[in-house]
Protein backbone atom coordinates (compact mmCIF):
# COMPACT_ATOMS: atom_id res chain seq x y z
CA MET A 1 7.12 -9.78 3.29
CA ARG A 2 6.28 -6.80 5.38
CA SER A 3 3.01 -5.06 5.79
CA ARG A 4 2.03 -1.55 6.68
CA THR A 5 -1.19 0.03 7.90
CA ALA A 6 -1.61 3.75 7.14
CA THR A 7 -3.85 6.23 5.42
CA TRP A 8 -3.28 5.75 1.68
CA PHE A 9 -4.05 8.13 -1.16
CA GLU A 10 -4.13 7.28 -4.92
CA CYS A 11 -2.61 10.08 -7.01
CA LYS A 12 -2.82 10.42 -10.75
CA ILE A 13 0.08 12.22 -12.44
CA ARG A 14 -0.03 13.49 -16.02
CA TYR A 15 3.19 14.26 -17.97
CA GLU A 16 4.91 13.87 -21.31
CA LYS A 17 6.82 10.62 -21.47
CA THR A 18 9.41 9.72 -24.06
CA MET A 19 8.38 6.40 -25.56
CA GLU A 20 10.75 3.63 -26.75
CA ASP A 21 10.48 4.88 -30.36
CA GLY A 22 11.56 8.39 -29.32
CA MET A 23 8.09 9.95 -29.61
CA GLN A 24 6.62 12.11 -26.88
CA LYS A 25 3.28 11.00 -25.51
CA LYS A 26 1.05 12.44 -22.76
CA VAL A 27 0.52 9.74 -20.18
CA THR A 28 -1.41 9.49 -16.91
CA GLU A 29 0.00 7.21 -14.26
CA LEU A 30 -1.38 6.09 -10.90
CA TYR A 31 0.66 6.08 -7.69
CA THR A 32 -0.20 5.42 -4.02
CA VAL A 33 1.21 7.52 -1.20
CA ASP A 34 1.04 7.32 2.58
CA ALA A 35 -0.15 10.70 3.93
CA LEU A 36 -2.32 12.20 6.63
CA SER A 37 -4.24 14.62 4.37
CA PHE A 38 -4.90 15.44 0.72
CA THR A 39 -2.45 18.35 0.99
CA GLU A 40 0.28 16.12 2.35
CA ALA A 41 -0.43 13.50 -0.31
CA GLU A 42 -0.03 16.13 -3.07
CA ALA A 43 3.23 17.43 -1.58
CA SER A 44 4.54 13.91 -1.19
CA ILE A 45 3.83 12.77 -4.73
CA ILE A 46 5.28 15.96 -6.16
CA GLU A 47 8.45 15.41 -4.12
CA GLU A 48 8.74 11.77 -5.16
CA MET A 49 8.01 12.32 -8.82
CA SER A 50 10.29 15.38 -9.25
CA SER A 51 13.34 13.09 -9.21
CA TYR A 52 11.95 10.74 -11.89
CA ILE A 53 10.23 13.09 -14.34
CA SER A 54 12.19 15.73 -16.28
CA GLY A 55 10.00 18.54 -17.31
CA GLU A 56 6.56 19.54 -16.13
CA PHE A 57 3.89 17.29 -14.68
CA GLU A 58 0.63 17.87 -12.99
CA VAL A 59 -1.33 16.11 -10.25
CA LYS A 60 -4.64 15.34 -11.99
CA ASP A 61 -6.50 13.55 -9.16
CA ILE A 62 -6.07 12.52 -5.55
CA LYS A 63 -8.50 10.21 -3.75
CA LYS A 64 -8.44 8.37 -0.54
CA ALA A 65 -7.70 4.63 -1.03
CA ALA A 66 -9.62 2.06 0.94
CA TYR A 67 -6.71 -0.26 1.76
CA GLY A 68 -6.63 -1.76 5.16
CA GLU A 69 -2.98 -2.63 4.74
CA VAL A 70 -0.26 -2.75 2.07
CA PHE A 71 1.92 -5.89 1.74
CA PHE A 72 5.40 -5.10 0.46
CA SER A 73 7.40 -7.85 -1.25
CA GLU A 74 11.16 -7.94 -1.02
CA SER A 75 11.39 -10.00 -4.22
CA PRO A 76 13.24 -8.15 -7.05
CA SER A 77 10.79 -9.60 -9.62
CA ALA A 78 7.74 -8.04 -7.81
CA ASP A 79 6.82 -5.22 -10.15
CA ARG A 80 3.02 -5.20 -9.98
CA TRP A 81 0.40 -4.15 -7.46
CA TYR A 82 -2.74 -6.23 -6.87
CA LYS A 83 -5.91 -5.24 -5.06
CA ALA A 84 -7.10 -8.12 -2.86
CA LYS A 85 -10.51 -8.30 -1.22
CA LEU A 86 -10.50 -10.51 1.84
CA GLN A 87 -13.51 -11.61 3.83
CA PHE A 88 -13.03 -12.15 7.54
CA ILE A 89 -15.33 -14.74 9.01
CA THR A 90 -16.72 -14.33 12.51
CA ILE A 91 -19.55 -16.08 14.30
CA ASP A 92 -22.23 -13.96 15.94
CA GLU A 93 -22.51 -15.31 19.47
CA LYS A 94 -26.19 -14.48 19.88
CA THR A 95 -27.53 -15.74 16.59
CA GLU A 96 -24.70 -18.26 15.95
CA LYS A 97 -24.64 -17.15 12.30
CA GLU A 98 -21.55 -16.66 10.22
CA LYS A 99 -20.78 -13.03 9.53
CA ARG A 100 -18.33 -11.86 6.82
CA SER A 101 -16.65 -8.45 6.74
CA ASN A 102 -14.76 -7.21 3.66
CA VAL A 103 -11.31 -5.59 3.82
CA ASN A 104 -9.20 -4.44 0.83
CA TYR A 105 -5.43 -4.90 0.71
CA LEU A 106 -2.78 -3.79 -1.78
CA VAL A 107 -0.25 -6.56 -2.51
CA HIS A 108 3.14 -6.24 -4.22
CA ALA A 109 3.96 -9.25 -6.39
CA ALA A 110 5.26 -10.39 -9.74
CA THR A 111 2.21 -12.54 -10.77
CA LEU A 112 -1.32 -13.20 -9.60
CA GLU A 113 -0.17 -16.52 -8.07
CA ASP A 114 2.58 -14.72 -6.17
CA ALA A 115 0.00 -12.16 -4.87
CA VAL A 116 -2.13 -15.00 -3.50
CA LYS A 117 1.00 -16.61 -1.96
CA ASN A 118 1.99 -13.28 -0.36
CA ILE A 119 -1.52 -12.85 1.10
CA ASN A 120 -1.43 -16.34 2.59
CA GLU A 121 2.09 -15.75 3.97
CA VAL A 122 1.00 -12.59 5.81
CA MET A 123 -2.45 -13.73 6.85
CA GLY A 124 -1.28 -17.23 7.76
CA THR A 125 0.45 -15.77 10.88
CA THR A 126 -2.88 -14.49 12.17
CA LEU A 127 -5.60 -16.37 13.97
CA ILE A 128 -8.38 -14.87 11.81
CA ASP A 129 -10.45 -17.05 9.53
CA TYR A 130 -10.45 -15.43 6.07
CA VAL A 131 -11.40 -16.07 2.46
CA ILE A 132 -9.78 -14.40 -0.49
CA ALA A 133 -12.81 -13.09 -2.34
CA SER A 134 -10.89 -11.50 -5.23
CA VAL A 135 -7.47 -10.50 -6.43
CA ALA A 136 -7.01 -8.17 -9.44
CA GLU A 137 -4.06 -6.38 -10.97
CA THR A 138 -4.15 -2.62 -10.61
CA GLN A 139 -2.76 0.23 -12.72
CA ILE A 140 -0.68 1.45 -9.73
CA MET A 141 2.91 2.15 -10.82
CA ASP A 142 4.41 2.34 -7.32
CA VAL A 143 3.71 2.97 -3.62
CA TYR A 144 5.56 5.57 -1.60
CA GLU A 145 5.66 5.42 2.18
CA HIS A 146 5.95 8.40 4.42
CA LYS A 147 9.63 9.36 4.87
CA ASN A 148 9.54 9.20 8.72
CA ALA A 149 7.98 5.80 8.67
CA LEU A 150 10.98 4.37 6.84
CA LYS A 151 13.32 5.24 9.74
CA LYS A 152 13.29 2.07 11.77
CA LYS A 153 15.57 0.31 14.13
CA GLU A 154 16.74 -3.10 12.91
CA THR A 155 15.45 -4.84 16.01
CA ASP A 156 11.90 -3.67 15.72
CA ASP A 157 9.36 -2.74 13.00
CA ARG A 158 8.03 0.26 14.93
CA PRO A 159 9.28 3.73 14.04
CA GLU A 160 12.06 5.01 16.28
CA TYR A 161 9.88 7.72 17.89
CA GLU A 162 7.56 4.99 19.22
CA GLN A 163 10.44 2.99 20.76
CA ASP A 164 12.14 5.87 22.59
CA GLU A 165 9.38 6.38 25.11
CA PRO A 166 8.15 3.59 27.42
CA ALA A 167 4.46 2.73 27.15
CA GLN A 168 2.11 4.23 29.69
CA GLY A 169 2.10 2.09 32.79
CA ALA A 170 5.35 0.41 31.82
CA GLU A 171 8.20 0.42 34.31
CA ALA A 172 11.27 2.41 33.19
């Protein structure tokens, strides 16, 4: 399991798909891309989909997705995306009352049970108290990460450009 924090955009693509019975049908599919802007999201989804779709297609809608993080599964059976709403529990020091803050995640898994297991696997490594408020399957077909983000050294999860320069105040 690996997770990734970024700015995510949901993109709807409309095209003519050849169905199993050989008939052509107009379909609209939902994809999520990592981008810095709407323009970059559109360019990214067009580039990604060009290799999968023969013929014309159009980007029908792009909206910013409210995912705090995306959890990617390495399991070959993981073929669905689930939206998970987690509540982080903190105690207000002044009033000593419990406070819950909601964060949405996108989780790659084969089943609902696997999605919950994946959430617990990632969140279990943190010291944050959390409650899984909801997990629901989405219509998202796939998630595409930014190309530069995929270039990583094997020893570290940070992109290469972050590793080449020492941190401020660090000795060289």
